[in-house]
């Protein structure tokens, strides 16, 4: 990226679980980015203040999306970002039965059970809740806090028929209200950028979202692209039919997969054209 874009790349070493838990990681990336955006720091690294973008993959995609939304709500930071580029991002923890979660339930590198455990880890929650969360008991119809938010990720309307196929929504009538009472972070838009309000979304910069067919997170990215488009944001959704979660890291021998090289090149090409 640095060489092909002639860009300064800053990688934020945000603190990880179990040293810290949500929302410490958000605070880390916001604080580091605010620091870097100071005029004297930009000047030190010869960075054009009108050509700044944020990006991340997987959990980093979650943090980049959250960072972008945080900046839209700060009058001093609004419009500071030219682009955001999200690579197979994690964007919600309300529905673990989207078509991609159902289709890729046991797909390496990220089976559904592991993804749900990662969410519980992020919030320092109780592993006893994992099985209930897998069947959406945490956002059942009797969990009032979740009802309004579920509408923001209604995949039956946000996803095209080519994605939904014959999959059916999993909506429990009665669930376990204790889960969101003990882990209210599940319903926090800083953790789940997909459920942010429309007003927040409409101030986001031009966006690139890369999704992979063989990935539980595929539909998180596609739904976010749709919500951003509806909010008037210019979005490029770059979907790879032969892609899998994490594929972009497989670009050098002996694991130089074709799809790894193609996703990387497509991502860098978009940045070159839009940053």
C-alpha atoms as a PDB file:
ATOM      1  CA  UNK A   1       0.000   0.000   0.000  1.00  0.00           C
ATOM      2  CA  UNK A   2       2.718   2.460   0.971  1.00  0.00           C
ATOM      3  CA  UNK A   3       4.640   1.873  -2.244  1.00  0.00           C
ATOM      4  CA  UNK A   4       1.794   1.628  -4.735  1.00  0.00           C
ATOM      5  CA  UNK A   5      -0.228   4.513  -3.308  1.00  0.00           C
ATOM      6  CA  UNK A   6       2.755   6.659  -2.342  1.00  0.00           C
ATOM      7  CA  UNK A   7       0.967   6.936   0.990  1.00  0.00           C
ATOM      8  CA  UNK A   8       1.886   7.074   4.655  1.00  0.00           C
ATOM      9  CA  UNK A   9       0.377   4.017   6.365  1.00  0.00           C
ATOM     10  CA  UNK A  10      -0.295   4.241  10.104  1.00  0.00           C
ATOM     11  CA  UNK A  11      -1.147   1.005  11.887  1.00  0.00           C
ATOM     12  CA  UNK A  12      -2.715   1.574  15.306  1.00  0.00           C
ATOM     13  CA  UNK A  13      -1.629  -0.962  17.890  1.00  0.00           C
ATOM     14  CA  UNK A  14      -4.859  -0.865  19.862  1.00  0.00           C
ATOM     15  CA  UNK A  15      -4.966  -2.896  23.055  1.00  0.00           C
ATOM     16  CA  UNK A  16      -6.433  -6.388  22.917  1.00  0.00           C
ATOM     17  CA  UNK A  17      -8.598  -8.706  25.003  1.00  0.00           C
ATOM     18  CA  UNK A  18      -7.937  -9.840  27.746  1.00  0.00           C
ATOM     19  CA  UNK A  19      -5.872  -6.784  28.728  1.00  0.00           C
ATOM     20  CA  UNK A  20      -8.817  -4.514  27.983  1.00  0.00           C
ATOM     21  CA  UNK A  21     -12.408  -4.949  26.811  1.00  0.00           C
ATOM     22  CA  UNK A  22     -14.920  -2.898  24.811  1.00  0.00           C
ATOM     23  CA  UNK A  23     -14.990   0.089  24.495  1.00  0.00           C
ATOM     24  CA  UNK A  24     -11.265   0.548  25.275  1.00  0.00           C
ATOM     25  CA  UNK A  25     -10.315  -0.466  21.717  1.00  0.00           C
ATOM     26  CA  UNK A  26     -12.578   2.260  20.285  1.00  0.00           C
ATOM     27  CA  UNK A  27     -11.000   4.830  22.585  1.00  0.00           C
ATOM     28  CA  UNK A  28      -7.533   3.712  21.450  1.00  0.00           C
ATOM     29  CA  UNK A  29      -8.204   4.133  17.727  1.00  0.00           C
ATOM     30  CA  UNK A  30     -10.067   7.423  18.184  1.00  0.00           C
ATOM     31  CA  UNK A  31      -7.303   8.863  20.369  1.00  0.00           C
ATOM     32  CA  UNK A  32      -4.522   7.750  18.014  1.00  0.00           C
ATOM     33  CA  UNK A  33      -6.317   9.082  14.936  1.00  0.00           C
ATOM     34  CA  UNK A  34      -7.058  12.437  16.570  1.00  0.00           C
ATOM     35  CA  UNK A  35      -3.385  12.705  17.463  1.00  0.00           C
ATOM     36  CA  UNK A  36      -2.273  11.934  13.920  1.00  0.00           C
ATOM     37  CA  UNK A  37      -4.700  14.464  12.437  1.00  0.00           C
ATOM     38  CA  UNK A  38      -3.061  17.368  14.246  1.00  0.00           C
ATOM     39  CA  UNK A  39      -1.632  19.774  11.618  1.00  0.00           C
ATOM     40  CA  UNK A  40       1.893  19.583  13.019  1.00  0.00           C
ATOM     41  CA  UNK A  41       1.869  15.765  12.963  1.00  0.00           C
ATOM     42  CA  UNK A  42       0.514  15.610   9.411  1.00  0.00           C
ATOM     43  CA  UNK A  43       3.207  18.081   8.377  1.00  0.00           C
ATOM     44  CA  UNK A  44       5.907  16.000  10.060  1.00  0.00           C
ATOM     45  CA  UNK A  45       4.957  12.995   7.920  1.00  0.00           C
ATOM     46  CA  UNK A  46       4.257  15.080   4.774  1.00  0.00           C
ATOM     47  CA  UNK A  47       0.618  13.980   4.674  1.00  0.00           C
ATOM     48  CA  UNK A  48      -1.963  15.855   2.621  1.00  0.00           C
ATOM     49  CA  UNK A  49      -4.802  16.694   5.103  1.00  0.00           C
ATOM     50  CA  UNK A  50      -7.327  16.431   2.264  1.00  0.00           C
ATOM     51  CA  UNK A  51      -6.360  12.834   1.459  1.00  0.00           C
ATOM     52  CA  UNK A  52      -6.832  10.861   4.662  1.00  0.00           C
ATOM     53  CA  UNK A  53      -8.588   7.511   4.769  1.00  0.00           C
ATOM     54  CA  UNK A  54      -9.270   4.839   7.366  1.00  0.00           C
ATOM     55  CA  UNK A  55      -9.289   1.117   6.766  1.00  0.00           C
ATOM     56  CA  UNK A  56      -9.320  -2.230   8.509  1.00  0.00           C
ATOM     57  CA  UNK A  57     -10.027  -5.900   7.983  1.00  0.00           C
ATOM     58  CA  UNK A  58     -12.251  -8.199  10.075  1.00  0.00           C
ATOM     59  CA  UNK A  59     -12.183  -6.870  13.668  1.00  0.00           C
ATOM     60  CA  UNK A  60     -10.125  -3.956  12.316  1.00  0.00           C
ATOM     61  CA  UNK A  61     -12.947  -3.310   9.852  1.00  0.00           C
ATOM     62  CA  UNK A  62     -15.297  -3.076  12.822  1.00  0.00           C
ATOM     63  CA  UNK A  63     -13.037  -0.517  14.507  1.00  0.00           C
ATOM     64  CA  UNK A  64     -12.583   1.489  11.303  1.00  0.00           C
ATOM     65  CA  UNK A  65     -16.366   1.626  10.804  1.00  0.00           C
ATOM     66  CA  UNK A  66     -16.881   2.654  14.433  1.00  0.00           C
ATOM     67  CA  UNK A  67     -14.141   5.282  14.115  1.00  0.00           C
ATOM     68  CA  UNK A  68     -15.779   6.767  11.033  1.00  0.00           C
ATOM     69  CA  UNK A  69     -19.104   7.028  12.842  1.00  0.00           C
ATOM     70  CA  UNK A  70     -17.493   8.609  15.913  1.00  0.00           C
ATOM     71  CA  UNK A  71     -15.909  11.262  13.706  1.00  0.00           C
ATOM     72  CA  UNK A  72     -19.233  12.191  12.070  1.00  0.00           C
ATOM     73  CA  UNK A  73     -20.586  13.059  15.529  1.00  0.00           C
ATOM     74  CA  UNK A  74     -17.701  15.377  16.439  1.00  0.00           C
ATOM     75  CA  UNK A  75     -18.000  18.886  14.952  1.00  0.00           C
ATOM     76  CA  UNK A  76     -14.218  19.317  15.012  1.00  0.00           C
ATOM     77  CA  UNK A  77     -13.589  16.083  13.130  1.00  0.00           C
ATOM     78  CA  UNK A  78     -16.489  15.975  10.673  1.00  0.00           C
ATOM     79  CA  UNK A  79     -15.372  15.770   7.045  1.00  0.00           C
ATOM     80  CA  UNK A  80     -11.752  15.076   8.029  1.00  0.00           C
ATOM     81  CA  UNK A  81     -11.840  11.676   6.304  1.00  0.00           C
ATOM     82  CA  UNK A  82     -11.923  11.344   2.541  1.00  0.00           C
ATOM     83  CA  UNK A  83     -12.611   7.595   2.391  1.00  0.00           C
ATOM     84  CA  UNK A  84     -13.147   4.487   4.476  1.00  0.00           C
ATOM     85  CA  UNK A  85     -12.291   0.992   3.229  1.00  0.00           C
ATOM     86  CA  UNK A  86     -13.661  -2.005   5.120  1.00  0.00           C
ATOM     87  CA  UNK A  87     -12.391  -5.519   4.408  1.00  0.00           C
ATOM     88  CA  UNK A  88     -14.788  -8.339   5.420  1.00  0.00           C
ATOM     89  CA  UNK A  89     -15.802  -6.276   8.471  1.00  0.00           C
ATOM     90  CA  UNK A  90     -17.590  -7.502  11.609  1.00  0.00           C
ATOM     91  CA  UNK A  91     -20.557  -5.160  11.965  1.00  0.00           C
ATOM     92  CA  UNK A  92     -23.272  -6.638  14.187  1.00  0.00           C
ATOM     93  CA  UNK A  93     -23.981  -9.116  16.980  1.00  0.00           C
ATOM     94  CA  UNK A  94     -27.775  -9.152  16.920  1.00  0.00           C
ATOM     95  CA  UNK A  95     -28.428 -11.793  14.265  1.00  0.00           C
ATOM     96  CA  UNK A  96     -26.225 -14.869  13.995  1.00  0.00           C
ATOM     97  CA  UNK A  97     -28.583 -16.421  11.443  1.00  0.00           C
ATOM     98  CA  UNK A  98     -28.218 -14.186   8.413  1.00  0.00           C
ATOM     99  CA  UNK A  99     -27.963 -16.234   5.191  1.00  0.00           C
ATOM    100  CA  UNK A 100     -24.162 -16.062   5.333  1.00  0.00           C
ATOM    101  CA  UNK A 101     -24.105 -17.262   8.949  1.00  0.00           C
ATOM    102  CA  UNK A 102     -26.401 -20.135   7.998  1.00  0.00           C
ATOM    103  CA  UNK A 103     -24.515 -20.965   4.801  1.00  0.00           C
ATOM    104  CA  UNK A 104     -21.037 -20.815   6.373  1.00  0.00           C
ATOM    105  CA  UNK A 105     -21.864 -22.104   9.839  1.00  0.00           C
ATOM    106  CA  UNK A 106     -18.836 -24.441   9.880  1.00  0.00           C
ATOM    107  CA  UNK A 107     -16.639 -22.767   7.266  1.00  0.00           C
ATOM    108  CA  UNK A 108     -12.976 -22.214   8.092  1.00  0.00           C
ATOM    109  CA  UNK A 109     -11.345 -19.788   9.007  1.00  0.00           C
ATOM    110  CA  UNK A 110     -14.227 -18.372  10.996  1.00  0.00           C
ATOM    111  CA  UNK A 111     -17.078 -20.764  11.890  1.00  0.00           C
ATOM    112  CA  UNK A 112     -20.135 -19.227  13.559  1.00  0.00           C
ATOM    113  CA  UNK A 113     -19.450 -20.664  17.001  1.00  0.00           C
ATOM    114  CA  UNK A 114     -15.998 -19.059  17.072  1.00  0.00           C
ATOM    115  CA  UNK A 115     -17.369 -15.671  15.948  1.00  0.00           C
ATOM    116  CA  UNK A 116     -19.990 -15.675  18.705  1.00  0.00           C
ATOM    117  CA  UNK A 117     -17.318 -16.540  21.280  1.00  0.00           C
ATOM    118  CA  UNK A 118     -15.200 -13.649  20.013  1.00  0.00           C
ATOM    119  CA  UNK A 119     -18.125 -11.294  20.663  1.00  0.00           C
ATOM    120  CA  UNK A 120     -18.521 -12.641  24.192  1.00  0.00           C
ATOM    121  CA  UNK A 121     -14.776 -12.221  24.748  1.00  0.00           C
ATOM    122  CA  UNK A 122     -14.901  -8.621  23.487  1.00  0.00           C
ATOM    123  CA  UNK A 123     -17.556  -7.766  26.069  1.00  0.00           C
ATOM    124  CA  UNK A 124     -16.103  -9.901  28.893  1.00  0.00           C
ATOM    125  CA  UNK A 125     -19.364 -11.807  28.882  1.00  0.00           C
ATOM    126  CA  UNK A 126     -20.395 -15.250  30.026  1.00  0.00           C
ATOM    127  CA  UNK A 127     -19.666 -18.247  27.770  1.00  0.00           C
ATOM    128  CA  UNK A 128     -22.857 -19.826  29.084  1.00  0.00           C
ATOM    129  CA  UNK A 129     -24.731 -17.455  26.760  1.00  0.00           C
ATOM    130  CA  UNK A 130     -23.032 -18.624  23.551  1.00  0.00           C
ATOM    131  CA  UNK A 131     -25.489 -21.379  22.588  1.00  0.00           C
ATOM    132  CA  UNK A 132     -28.480 -19.129  23.256  1.00  0.00           C
ATOM    133  CA  UNK A 133     -26.947 -16.334  21.177  1.00  0.00           C
ATOM    134  CA  UNK A 134     -26.307 -18.716  18.268  1.00  0.00           C
ATOM    135  CA  UNK A 135     -30.089 -19.193  17.937  1.00  0.00           C
ATOM    136  CA  UNK A 136     -30.773 -15.448  18.457  1.00  0.00           C
ATOM    137  CA  UNK A 137     -32.295 -15.848  21.923  1.00  0.00           C
ATOM    138  CA  UNK A 138     -30.624 -12.570  22.903  1.00  0.00           C
ATOM    139  CA  UNK A 139     -32.683 -10.577  20.382  1.00  0.00           C
ATOM    140  CA  UNK A 140     -35.996 -12.444  20.573  1.00  0.00           C
ATOM    141  CA  UNK A 141     -39.307 -10.626  20.204  1.00  0.00           C
ATOM    142  CA  UNK A 142     -39.725 -10.346  23.976  1.00  0.00           C
ATOM    143  CA  UNK A 143     -36.417  -8.477  24.360  1.00  0.00           C
ATOM    144  CA  UNK A 144     -37.777  -4.940  23.984  1.00  0.00           C
ATOM    145  CA  UNK A 145     -34.367  -3.246  23.750  1.00  0.00           C
ATOM    146  CA  UNK A 146     -33.555  -5.208  20.588  1.00  0.00           C
ATOM    147  CA  UNK A 147     -36.825  -4.957  18.661  1.00  0.00           C
ATOM    148  CA  UNK A 148     -36.296  -1.491  17.142  1.00  0.00           C
ATOM    149  CA  UNK A 149     -32.670  -2.258  16.316  1.00  0.00           C
ATOM    150  CA  UNK A 150     -33.505  -5.508  14.516  1.00  0.00           C
ATOM    151  CA  UNK A 151     -35.326  -3.441  11.893  1.00  0.00           C
ATOM    152  CA  UNK A 152     -31.995  -1.842  10.949  1.00  0.00           C
ATOM    153  CA  UNK A 153     -30.592  -5.191   9.902  1.00  0.00           C
ATOM    154  CA  UNK A 154     -33.669  -6.786   8.425  1.00  0.00           C
ATOM    155  CA  UNK A 155     -31.882  -8.905   5.853  1.00  0.00           C
ATOM    156  CA  UNK A 156     -35.072  -9.930   4.072  1.00  0.00           C
ATOM    157  CA  UNK A 157     -35.223  -6.355   2.738  1.00  0.00           C
ATOM    158  CA  UNK A 158     -31.526  -5.378   2.783  1.00  0.00           C
ATOM    159  CA  UNK A 159     -30.151  -8.375   0.879  1.00  0.00           C
ATOM    160  CA  UNK A 160     -30.865  -9.310  -2.764  1.00  0.00           C
ATOM    161  CA  UNK A 161     -32.659 -12.552  -3.637  1.00  0.00           C
ATOM    162  CA  UNK A 162     -29.405 -13.977  -5.015  1.00  0.00           C
ATOM    163  CA  UNK A 163     -28.075 -13.883  -1.429  1.00  0.00           C
ATOM    164  CA  UNK A 164     -31.179 -14.735   0.617  1.00  0.00           C
ATOM    165  CA  UNK A 165     -32.025 -17.788  -1.544  1.00  0.00           C
ATOM    166  CA  UNK A 166     -34.255 -20.090   0.521  1.00  0.00           C
ATOM    167  CA  UNK A 167     -32.877 -19.102   3.911  1.00  0.00           C
ATOM    168  CA  UNK A 168     -35.417 -18.190   6.599  1.00  0.00           C
ATOM    169  CA  UNK A 169     -34.984 -15.636   9.385  1.00  0.00           C
ATOM    170  CA  UNK A 170     -34.519 -17.035  12.880  1.00  0.00           C
ATOM    171  CA  UNK A 171     -36.689 -14.871  15.131  1.00  0.00           C
ATOM    172  CA  UNK A 172     -37.494 -16.365  18.518  1.00  0.00           C
ATOM    173  CA  UNK A 173     -40.778 -15.360  20.154  1.00  0.00           C
ATOM    174  CA  UNK A 174     -39.410 -15.971  23.622  1.00  0.00           C
ATOM    175  CA  UNK A 175     -35.722 -15.788  24.412  1.00  0.00           C
ATOM    176  CA  UNK A 176     -33.344 -14.865  27.204  1.00  0.00           C
ATOM    177  CA  UNK A 177     -33.669 -11.205  28.169  1.00  0.00           C
ATOM    178  CA  UNK A 178     -30.920 -11.695  30.741  1.00  0.00           C
ATOM    179  CA  UNK A 179     -28.279 -11.762  27.988  1.00  0.00           C
ATOM    180  CA  UNK A 180     -28.668  -8.127  26.911  1.00  0.00           C
ATOM    181  CA  UNK A 181     -29.203  -7.098  30.514  1.00  0.00           C
ATOM    182  CA  UNK A 182     -25.803  -8.530  31.412  1.00  0.00           C
ATOM    183  CA  UNK A 183     -24.161  -7.623  28.072  1.00  0.00           C
ATOM    184  CA  UNK A 184     -25.858  -4.369  26.960  1.00  0.00           C
ATOM    185  CA  UNK A 185     -22.826  -3.695  24.736  1.00  0.00           C
ATOM    186  CA  UNK A 186     -24.383  -6.092  22.194  1.00  0.00           C
ATOM    187  CA  UNK A 187     -26.811  -3.299  21.298  1.00  0.00           C
ATOM    188  CA  UNK A 188     -24.227  -0.484  21.259  1.00  0.00           C
ATOM    189  CA  UNK A 189     -23.633   0.991  17.781  1.00  0.00           C
ATOM    190  CA  UNK A 190     -19.970   1.544  18.656  1.00  0.00           C
ATOM    191  CA  UNK A 191     -19.672  -2.256  18.764  1.00  0.00           C
ATOM    192  CA  UNK A 192     -22.182  -2.910  15.982  1.00  0.00           C
ATOM    193  CA  UNK A 193     -21.857  -0.080  13.409  1.00  0.00           C
ATOM    194  CA  UNK A 194     -24.540  -1.672  11.228  1.00  0.00           C
ATOM    195  CA  UNK A 195     -27.234  -0.587  13.717  1.00  0.00           C
ATOM    196  CA  UNK A 196     -26.244   3.093  13.772  1.00  0.00           C
ATOM    197  CA  UNK A 197     -28.946   5.662  13.105  1.00  0.00           C
ATOM    198  CA  UNK A 198     -29.490   6.884   9.552  1.00  0.00           C
ATOM    199  CA  UNK A 199     -28.462  10.420  10.561  1.00  0.00           C
ATOM    200  CA  UNK A 200     -25.019   9.124  11.580  1.00  0.00           C
ATOM    201  CA  UNK A 201     -24.580   7.140   8.375  1.00  0.00           C
ATOM    202  CA  UNK A 202     -25.358   9.984   6.002  1.00  0.00           C
ATOM    203  CA  UNK A 203     -22.274  11.957   7.068  1.00  0.00           C
ATOM    204  CA  UNK A 204     -19.823   9.136   6.338  1.00  0.00           C
ATOM    205  CA  UNK A 205     -17.214   9.475   3.565  1.00  0.00           C
ATOM    206  CA  UNK A 206     -17.002   7.572   0.287  1.00  0.00           C
ATOM    207  CA  UNK A 207     -16.851   3.889   1.219  1.00  0.00           C
ATOM    208  CA  UNK A 208     -15.347   0.650  -0.094  1.00  0.00           C
ATOM    209  CA  UNK A 209     -16.579  -2.663   1.356  1.00  0.00           C
ATOM    210  CA  UNK A 210     -15.029  -5.991   0.372  1.00  0.00           C
ATOM    211  CA  UNK A 211     -17.038  -9.147   1.080  1.00  0.00           C
ATOM    212  CA  UNK A 212     -16.375 -12.843   0.509  1.00  0.00           C
ATOM    213  CA  UNK A 213     -18.871 -15.563  -0.364  1.00  0.00           C
ATOM    214  CA  UNK A 214     -17.432 -18.138   2.041  1.00  0.00           C
ATOM    215  CA  UNK A 215     -17.582 -15.989   5.156  1.00  0.00           C
ATOM    216  CA  UNK A 216     -20.123 -15.722   7.983  1.00  0.00           C
ATOM    217  CA  UNK A 217     -19.598 -11.945   7.864  1.00  0.00           C
ATOM    218  CA  UNK A 218     -20.507 -11.570   4.179  1.00  0.00           C
ATOM    219  CA  UNK A 219     -23.997 -10.239   4.872  1.00  0.00           C
ATOM    220  CA  UNK A 220     -22.823  -7.763   7.539  1.00  0.00           C
ATOM    221  CA  UNK A 221     -20.856  -6.003   4.802  1.00  0.00           C
ATOM    222  CA  UNK A 222     -23.569  -6.214   2.146  1.00  0.00           C
ATOM    223  CA  UNK A 223     -26.229  -4.874   4.526  1.00  0.00           C
ATOM    224  CA  UNK A 224     -23.968  -2.011   5.599  1.00  0.00           C
ATOM    225  CA  UNK A 225     -23.373  -1.105   1.966  1.00  0.00           C
ATOM    226  CA  UNK A 226     -27.141  -1.026   1.392  1.00  0.00           C
ATOM    227  CA  UNK A 227     -27.791   1.124   4.472  1.00  0.00           C
ATOM    228  CA  UNK A 228     -25.024   3.529   3.482  1.00  0.00           C
ATOM    229  CA  UNK A 229     -26.418   3.823  -0.057  1.00  0.00           C
ATOM    230  CA  UNK A 230     -29.872   4.539   1.378  1.00  0.00           C
ATOM    231  CA  UNK A 231     -28.287   7.292   3.483  1.00  0.00           C
ATOM    232  CA  UNK A 232     -26.805   8.885   0.358  1.00  0.00           C
ATOM    233  CA  UNK A 233     -23.210   7.704   0.783  1.00  0.00           C
ATOM    234  CA  UNK A 234     -21.226   6.715  -2.330  1.00  0.00           C
ATOM    235  CA  UNK A 235     -20.400   3.019  -1.859  1.00  0.00           C
ATOM    236  CA  UNK A 236     -18.419   0.425  -3.771  1.00  0.00           C
ATOM    237  CA  UNK A 237     -19.318  -3.140  -2.788  1.00  0.00           C
ATOM    238  CA  UNK A 238     -16.581  -5.489  -4.011  1.00  0.00           C
ATOM    239  CA  UNK A 239     -17.762  -9.089  -3.656  1.00  0.00           C
ATOM    240  CA  UNK A 240     -15.591 -12.137  -4.327  1.00  0.00           C
ATOM    241  CA  UNK A 241     -17.466 -15.353  -5.086  1.00  0.00           C
ATOM    242  CA  UNK A 242     -14.395 -17.484  -4.351  1.00  0.00           C
ATOM    243  CA  UNK A 243     -13.286 -15.439  -1.328  1.00  0.00           C
ATOM    244  CA  UNK A 244     -13.124 -16.593   2.289  1.00  0.00           C
ATOM    245  CA  UNK A 245     -12.576 -14.775   5.552  1.00  0.00           C
ATOM    246  CA  UNK A 246      -9.004 -13.586   5.872  1.00  0.00           C
ATOM    247  CA  UNK A 247      -8.102 -14.429   2.278  1.00  0.00           C
ATOM    248  CA  UNK A 248      -6.289 -11.151   1.652  1.00  0.00           C
ATOM    249  CA  UNK A 249      -3.383 -12.163   3.875  1.00  0.00           C
ATOM    250  CA  UNK A 250      -2.601 -15.135   1.615  1.00  0.00           C
ATOM    251  CA  UNK A 251      -0.492 -13.307  -0.949  1.00  0.00           C
ATOM    252  CA  UNK A 252       3.029 -14.684  -0.566  1.00  0.00           C
ATOM    253  CA  UNK A 253       4.616 -18.073  -1.121  1.00  0.00           C
ATOM    254  CA  UNK A 254       3.778 -20.801  -0.115  1.00  0.00           C
ATOM    255  CA  UNK A 255       0.217 -19.551   0.514  1.00  0.00           C
ATOM    256  CA  UNK A 256      -0.022 -17.139  -2.420  1.00  0.00           C
ATOM    257  CA  UNK A 257      -3.653 -17.891  -3.317  1.00  0.00           C
ATOM    258  CA  UNK A 258      -5.149 -16.325  -6.423  1.00  0.00           C
ATOM    259  CA  UNK A 259      -8.055 -14.875  -4.449  1.00  0.00           C
ATOM    260  CA  UNK A 260      -5.665 -13.334  -1.940  1.00  0.00           C
ATOM    261  CA  UNK A 261      -3.778 -11.506  -4.665  1.00  0.00           C
ATOM    262  CA  UNK A 262      -6.969 -10.435  -6.477  1.00  0.00           C
ATOM    263  CA  UNK A 263      -8.628  -9.045  -3.322  1.00  0.00           C
ATOM    264  CA  UNK A 264      -5.468  -7.165  -2.377  1.00  0.00           C
ATOM    265  CA  UNK A 265      -5.036  -5.711  -5.867  1.00  0.00           C
ATOM    266  CA  UNK A 266      -8.706  -4.704  -6.127  1.00  0.00           C
ATOM    267  CA  UNK A 267      -8.580  -2.978  -2.731  1.00  0.00           C
ATOM    268  CA  UNK A 268      -5.407  -1.056  -3.558  1.00  0.00           C
ATOM    269  CA  UNK A 269      -6.764  -0.101  -6.989  1.00  0.00           C
ATOM    270  CA  UNK A 270      -9.877   1.433  -5.402  1.00  0.00           C
ATOM    271  CA  UNK A 271      -7.741   3.387  -2.933  1.00  0.00           C
ATOM    272  CA  UNK A 272      -5.498   4.591  -5.750  1.00  0.00           C
ATOM    273  CA  UNK A 273      -8.529   5.886  -7.655  1.00  0.00           C
ATOM    274  CA  UNK A 274     -10.376   7.429  -4.712  1.00  0.00           C
ATOM    275  CA  UNK A 275      -7.943   8.563  -2.045  1.00  0.00           C
END
